[in-house]
C-alpha atoms as a PDB file:
ATOM      1  CA  MET A   1    -131.888  -3.987 -23.799  1.00  0.00           C
ATOM      2  CA  ASN A   2    -132.167  -0.653 -25.574  1.00  0.00           C
ATOM      3  CA  ALA A   3    -135.269   1.131 -26.877  1.00  0.00           C
ATOM      4  CA  ARG A   4    -135.036  -0.605 -30.275  1.00  0.00           C
ATOM      5  CA  GLY A   5    -135.101  -4.015 -28.633  1.00  0.00           C
ATOM      6  CA  ALA A   6    -131.457  -4.785 -29.403  1.00  0.00           C
ATOM      7  CA  ILE A   7    -129.181  -5.827 -26.594  1.00  0.00           C
ATOM      8  CA  ALA A   8    -126.476  -3.215 -26.136  1.00  0.00           C
ATOM      9  CA  ASP A   9    -122.889  -4.348 -25.697  1.00  0.00           C
ATOM     10  CA  ALA A  10    -120.936  -3.599 -22.533  1.00  0.00           C
ATOM     11  CA  ALA A  11    -120.074  -0.096 -23.730  1.00  0.00           C
ATOM     12  CA  GLY A  12    -123.731   0.672 -24.465  1.00  0.00           C
ATOM     13  CA  ALA A  13    -123.443   0.737 -28.263  1.00  0.00           C
ATOM     14  CA  ALA A  14    -126.366  -0.966 -29.940  1.00  0.00           C
ATOM     15  CA  PRO A  15    -125.365  -3.741 -32.377  1.00  0.00           C
ATOM     16  CA  ARG A  16    -127.548  -4.459 -35.364  1.00  0.00           C
ATOM     17  CA  GLY A  17    -128.102  -7.739 -37.151  1.00  0.00           C
ATOM     18  CA  ARG A  18    -127.434  -8.037 -40.863  1.00  0.00           C
ATOM     19  CA  ARG A  19    -130.546  -8.026 -43.039  1.00  0.00           C
ATOM     20  CA  HIS A  20    -131.019 -11.021 -45.290  1.00  0.00           C
ATOM     21  CA  ASP A  21    -132.247  -9.420 -48.501  1.00  0.00           C
ATOM     22  CA  ASP A  22    -131.610 -11.296 -51.736  1.00  0.00           C
ATOM     23  CA  THR A  23    -132.016  -8.073 -53.732  1.00  0.00           C
ATOM     24  CA  ALA A  24    -129.306  -6.230 -51.798  1.00  0.00           C
ATOM     25  CA  PRO A  25    -126.139  -5.312 -53.723  1.00  0.00           C
ATOM     26  CA  ALA A  26    -123.130  -7.569 -53.331  1.00  0.00           C
ATOM     27  CA  ARG A  27    -121.154  -4.781 -51.598  1.00  0.00           C
ATOM     28  CA  ALA A  28    -123.013  -3.035 -48.796  1.00  0.00           C
ATOM     29  CA  LEU A  29    -121.355  -0.384 -46.688  1.00  0.00           C
ATOM     30  CA  ASP A  30    -121.023  -1.196 -43.001  1.00  0.00           C
ATOM     31  CA  VAL A  31    -122.072   1.982 -41.204  1.00  0.00           C
ATOM     32  CA  PHE A  32    -121.853   3.170 -37.604  1.00  0.00           C
ATOM     33  CA  VAL A  33    -124.262   5.987 -36.666  1.00  0.00           C
ATOM     34  CA  VAL A  34    -123.787   8.434 -33.799  1.00  0.00           C
ATOM     35  CA  GLU A  35    -127.152  10.092 -33.109  1.00  0.00           C
ATOM     36  CA  ASP A  36    -128.803  10.848 -29.774  1.00  0.00           C
ATOM     37  CA  ASN A  37    -132.405  11.270 -30.946  1.00  0.00           C
ATOM     38  CA  LEU A  38    -133.972   7.804 -31.158  1.00  0.00           C
ATOM     39  CA  ILE A  39    -136.692   8.864 -33.617  1.00  0.00           C
ATOM     40  CA  VAL A  40    -134.133  10.475 -35.930  1.00  0.00           C
ATOM     41  CA  LEU A  41    -131.846   7.434 -35.594  1.00  0.00           C
ATOM     42  CA  GLU A  42    -134.575   4.939 -36.477  1.00  0.00           C
ATOM     43  CA  SER A  43    -135.796   7.046 -39.411  1.00  0.00           C
ATOM     44  CA  LEU A  44    -132.260   7.541 -40.727  1.00  0.00           C
ATOM     45  CA  VAL A  45    -131.390   3.843 -40.471  1.00  0.00           C
ATOM     46  CA  ALA A  46    -134.626   2.832 -42.197  1.00  0.00           C
ATOM     47  CA  ALA A  47    -134.120   5.357 -45.007  1.00  0.00           C
ATOM     48  CA  LEU A  48    -130.460   4.495 -45.600  1.00  0.00           C
ATOM     49  CA  GLU A  49    -131.026   0.736 -45.547  1.00  0.00           C
ATOM     50  CA  GLU A  50    -133.949   1.145 -47.961  1.00  0.00           C
ATOM     51  CA  LEU A  51    -132.391   3.613 -50.402  1.00  0.00           C
ATOM     52  CA  ALA A  52    -128.669   2.840 -50.364  1.00  0.00           C
ATOM     53  CA  PRO A  53    -126.449  -0.244 -50.150  1.00  0.00           C
ATOM     54  CA  VAL A  54    -126.017   0.241 -46.410  1.00  0.00           C
ATOM     55  CA  HIS A  55    -125.939  -2.076 -43.410  1.00  0.00           C
ATOM     56  CA  VAL A  56    -125.908  -0.294 -40.058  1.00  0.00           C
ATOM     57  CA  VAL A  57    -123.613  -2.272 -37.757  1.00  0.00           C
ATOM     58  CA  GLY A  58    -124.219  -0.200 -34.640  1.00  0.00           C
ATOM     59  CA  SER A  59    -125.106   3.107 -33.095  1.00  0.00           C
ATOM     60  CA  ALA A  60    -124.308   5.287 -30.112  1.00  0.00           C
ATOM     61  CA  ALA A  61    -126.007   8.281 -28.503  1.00  0.00           C
ATOM     62  CA  ASP A  62    -122.994   9.897 -26.849  1.00  0.00           C
ATOM     63  CA  GLU A  63    -119.333  10.589 -27.436  1.00  0.00           C
ATOM     64  CA  SER A  64    -117.796   8.135 -24.960  1.00  0.00           C
ATOM     65  CA  VAL A  65    -119.818   5.145 -26.197  1.00  0.00           C
ATOM     66  CA  ALA A  66    -119.036   6.034 -29.819  1.00  0.00           C
ATOM     67  CA  VAL A  67    -115.308   6.403 -29.108  1.00  0.00           C
ATOM     68  CA  ASP A  68    -115.264   3.064 -27.250  1.00  0.00           C
ATOM     69  CA  TRP A  69    -116.994   1.351 -30.195  1.00  0.00           C
ATOM     70  CA  LEU A  70    -114.591   2.903 -32.696  1.00  0.00           C
ATOM     71  CA  ALA A  71    -111.636   1.673 -30.615  1.00  0.00           C
ATOM     72  CA  GLY A  72    -112.920  -1.897 -30.828  1.00  0.00           C
ATOM     73  CA  ARG A  73    -111.457  -4.205 -33.424  1.00  0.00           C
ATOM     74  CA  GLY A  74    -114.473  -6.466 -33.980  1.00  0.00           C
ATOM     75  CA  ALA A  75    -116.861  -4.754 -36.366  1.00  0.00           C
ATOM     76  CA  ARG A  76    -115.922  -3.594 -39.836  1.00  0.00           C
ATOM     77  CA  CYS A  77    -116.871  -0.004 -40.556  1.00  0.00           C
ATOM     78  CA  ASP A  78    -116.781   1.682 -43.968  1.00  0.00           C
ATOM     79  CA  LEU A  79    -118.654   4.837 -42.987  1.00  0.00           C
ATOM     80  CA  VAL A  80    -119.256   6.736 -39.747  1.00  0.00           C
ATOM     81  CA  ILE A  81    -122.183   9.172 -39.640  1.00  0.00           C
ATOM     82  CA  VAL A  82    -122.002  11.637 -36.739  1.00  0.00           C
ATOM     83  CA  ASP A  83    -124.357  14.237 -35.291  1.00  0.00           C
ATOM     84  CA  ILE A  84    -122.600  17.172 -33.628  1.00  0.00           C
ATOM     85  CA  PHE A  85    -124.749  17.713 -30.545  1.00  0.00           C
ATOM     86  CA  LEU A  86    -125.062  14.483 -28.566  1.00  0.00           C
ATOM     87  CA  ARG A  87    -126.608  13.384 -25.276  1.00  0.00           C
ATOM     88  CA  THR A  88    -123.192  13.768 -23.644  1.00  0.00           C
ATOM     89  CA  GLY A  89    -119.981  14.907 -25.253  1.00  0.00           C
ATOM     90  CA  SER A  90    -119.675  16.236 -28.765  1.00  0.00           C
ATOM     91  CA  GLY A  91    -119.622  14.932 -32.283  1.00  0.00           C
ATOM     92  CA  LEU A  92    -116.377  16.858 -32.788  1.00  0.00           C
ATOM     93  CA  GLY A  93    -114.672  14.482 -30.350  1.00  0.00           C
ATOM     94  CA  VAL A  94    -116.146  11.511 -32.204  1.00  0.00           C
ATOM     95  CA  ILE A  95    -114.843  12.898 -35.509  1.00  0.00           C
ATOM     96  CA  ALA A  96    -111.305  13.190 -34.150  1.00  0.00           C
ATOM     97  CA  ALA A  97    -111.419   9.683 -32.642  1.00  0.00           C
ATOM     98  CA  ALA A  98    -112.895   8.175 -35.804  1.00  0.00           C
ATOM     99  CA  ARG A  99    -110.182   9.712 -37.951  1.00  0.00           C
ATOM    100  CA  ARG A 100    -107.484   8.241 -35.666  1.00  0.00           C
ATOM    101  CA  ARG A 101    -109.055   4.844 -34.996  1.00  0.00           C
ATOM    102  CA  ARG A 102    -110.764   4.120 -38.327  1.00  0.00           C
ATOM    103  CA  PRO A 103    -108.533   5.906 -40.871  1.00  0.00           C
ATOM    104  CA  GLY A 104    -109.893   3.862 -43.775  1.00  0.00           C
ATOM    105  CA  ALA A 105    -113.517   4.747 -43.054  1.00  0.00           C
ATOM    106  CA  ALA A 106    -115.346   7.624 -44.650  1.00  0.00           C
ATOM    107  CA  LEU A 107    -116.541  10.119 -42.049  1.00  0.00           C
ATOM    108  CA  VAL A 108    -119.541  12.386 -42.480  1.00  0.00           C
ATOM    109  CA  VAL A 109    -121.485  14.728 -40.252  1.00  0.00           C
ATOM    110  CA  LEU A 110    -125.279  14.881 -40.367  1.00  0.00           C
ATOM    111  CA  SER A 111    -126.529  17.779 -38.274  1.00  0.00           C
ATOM    112  CA  ASN A 112    -129.279  20.356 -37.942  1.00  0.00           C
ATOM    113  CA  TYR A 113    -126.498  22.868 -37.238  1.00  0.00           C
ATOM    114  CA  ALA A 114    -124.614  22.723 -40.528  1.00  0.00           C
ATOM    115  CA  THR A 115    -123.719  26.416 -40.523  1.00  0.00           C
ATOM    116  CA  ASP A 116    -120.674  27.601 -42.457  1.00  0.00           C
ATOM    117  CA  GLU A 117    -118.697  27.886 -39.214  1.00  0.00           C
ATOM    118  CA  MET A 118    -119.720  24.400 -38.057  1.00  0.00           C
ATOM    119  CA  ARG A 119    -118.931  22.921 -41.482  1.00  0.00           C
ATOM    120  CA  SER A 120    -115.449  24.436 -41.274  1.00  0.00           C
ATOM    121  CA  ARG A 121    -114.896  23.062 -37.767  1.00  0.00           C
ATOM    122  CA  CYS A 122    -116.077  19.587 -38.788  1.00  0.00           C
ATOM    123  CA  LEU A 123    -113.887  19.490 -41.888  1.00  0.00           C
ATOM    124  CA  ALA A 124    -110.901  20.773 -39.888  1.00  0.00           C
ATOM    125  CA  SER A 125    -111.522  17.980 -37.336  1.00  0.00           C
ATOM    126  CA  GLY A 126    -111.347  15.331 -40.055  1.00  0.00           C
ATOM    127  CA  ALA A 127    -114.843  14.960 -41.515  1.00  0.00           C
ATOM    128  CA  ASP A 128    -114.990  14.232 -45.235  1.00  0.00           C
ATOM    129  CA  ARG A 129    -118.416  15.786 -45.787  1.00  0.00           C
ATOM    130  CA  VAL A 130    -121.073  17.672 -43.821  1.00  0.00           C
ATOM    131  CA  PHE A 131    -124.784  17.229 -44.526  1.00  0.00           C
ATOM    132  CA  ASP A 132    -127.747  19.182 -43.162  1.00  0.00           C
ATOM    133  CA  LYS A 133    -130.439  16.888 -41.686  1.00  0.00           C
ATOM    134  CA  SER A 134    -133.254  19.115 -42.856  1.00  0.00           C
ATOM    135  CA  ARG A 135    -132.271  19.351 -46.518  1.00  0.00           C
ATOM    136  CA  ASP A 136    -129.385  17.049 -47.498  1.00  0.00           C
ATOM    137  CA  ILE A 137    -130.700  13.499 -46.964  1.00  0.00           C
ATOM    138  CA  ASP A 138    -130.808  12.916 -50.735  1.00  0.00           C
ATOM    139  CA  GLN A 139    -127.166  13.980 -50.986  1.00  0.00           C
ATOM    140  CA  LEU A 140    -126.247  11.649 -48.105  1.00  0.00           C
ATOM    141  CA  VAL A 141    -127.964   8.740 -49.872  1.00  0.00           C
ATOM    142  CA  ALA A 142    -126.153   9.602 -53.130  1.00  0.00           C
ATOM    143  CA  TYR A 143    -122.847   9.777 -51.209  1.00  0.00           C
ATOM    144  CA  CYS A 144    -123.480   6.307 -49.746  1.00  0.00           C
ATOM    145  CA  VAL A 145    -124.268   4.878 -53.186  1.00  0.00           C
ATOM    146  CA  ALA A 146    -121.116   6.405 -54.682  1.00  0.00           C
ATOM    147  CA  LEU A 147    -119.028   5.163 -51.762  1.00  0.00           C
ATOM    148  CA  ALA A 148    -120.347   1.612 -52.195  1.00  0.00           C
ATOM    149  CA  GLU A 149    -119.571   1.685 -55.919  1.00  0.00           C
ATOM    150  CA  ARG A 150    -115.932   2.717 -55.532  1.00  0.00           C
ATOM    151  CA  SER A 151    -113.212   0.303 -56.599  1.00  0.00           C
ATOM    152  CA  PRO A 152    -111.299  -1.713 -53.982  1.00  0.00           C
ATOM    153  CA  GLY A 153    -108.349   0.314 -52.748  1.00  0.00           C
ATOM    154  CA  GLU A 154    -109.864   3.590 -53.963  1.00  0.00           C
ATOM    155  CA  LEU A 155    -109.886   6.323 -51.334  1.00  0.00           C
ATOM    156  CA  PRO A 156    -113.253   6.385 -49.568  1.00  0.00           C
ATOM    157  CA  HIS A 157    -113.407  10.131 -49.271  1.00  0.00           C
END
């Protein structure tokens, strides 16, 4: 059992149950979050699920668990949100794996280290967008809303 009370799967990724909210939009994004700080993770999930048509399907705190989850075929994933500095490994490795293993998913970075150099490295690794945790949460929410409103078959990026 992990700190949030959810039972982690064999790889250690924490699954999340779907909320049953009659006011939720018909099309919610299924999102996988890679974040090693539990307080940040819980706050981010709560904010996204409250403010955007988002359903978080799972999370991981390190690169190897995230890569294993992304390699799995079970859970649908429309959006992957990745922090750069993780408990072990790097978000850059997760970005590369996500681009290979979930090519139809949008891929964004949410980091406290969104310097110009880091933004360039993330985009070169395959990220669609880079958001700063300290100042870009509103833009991330707006991105999620726009992504959920896209037409079927429209590019997610």
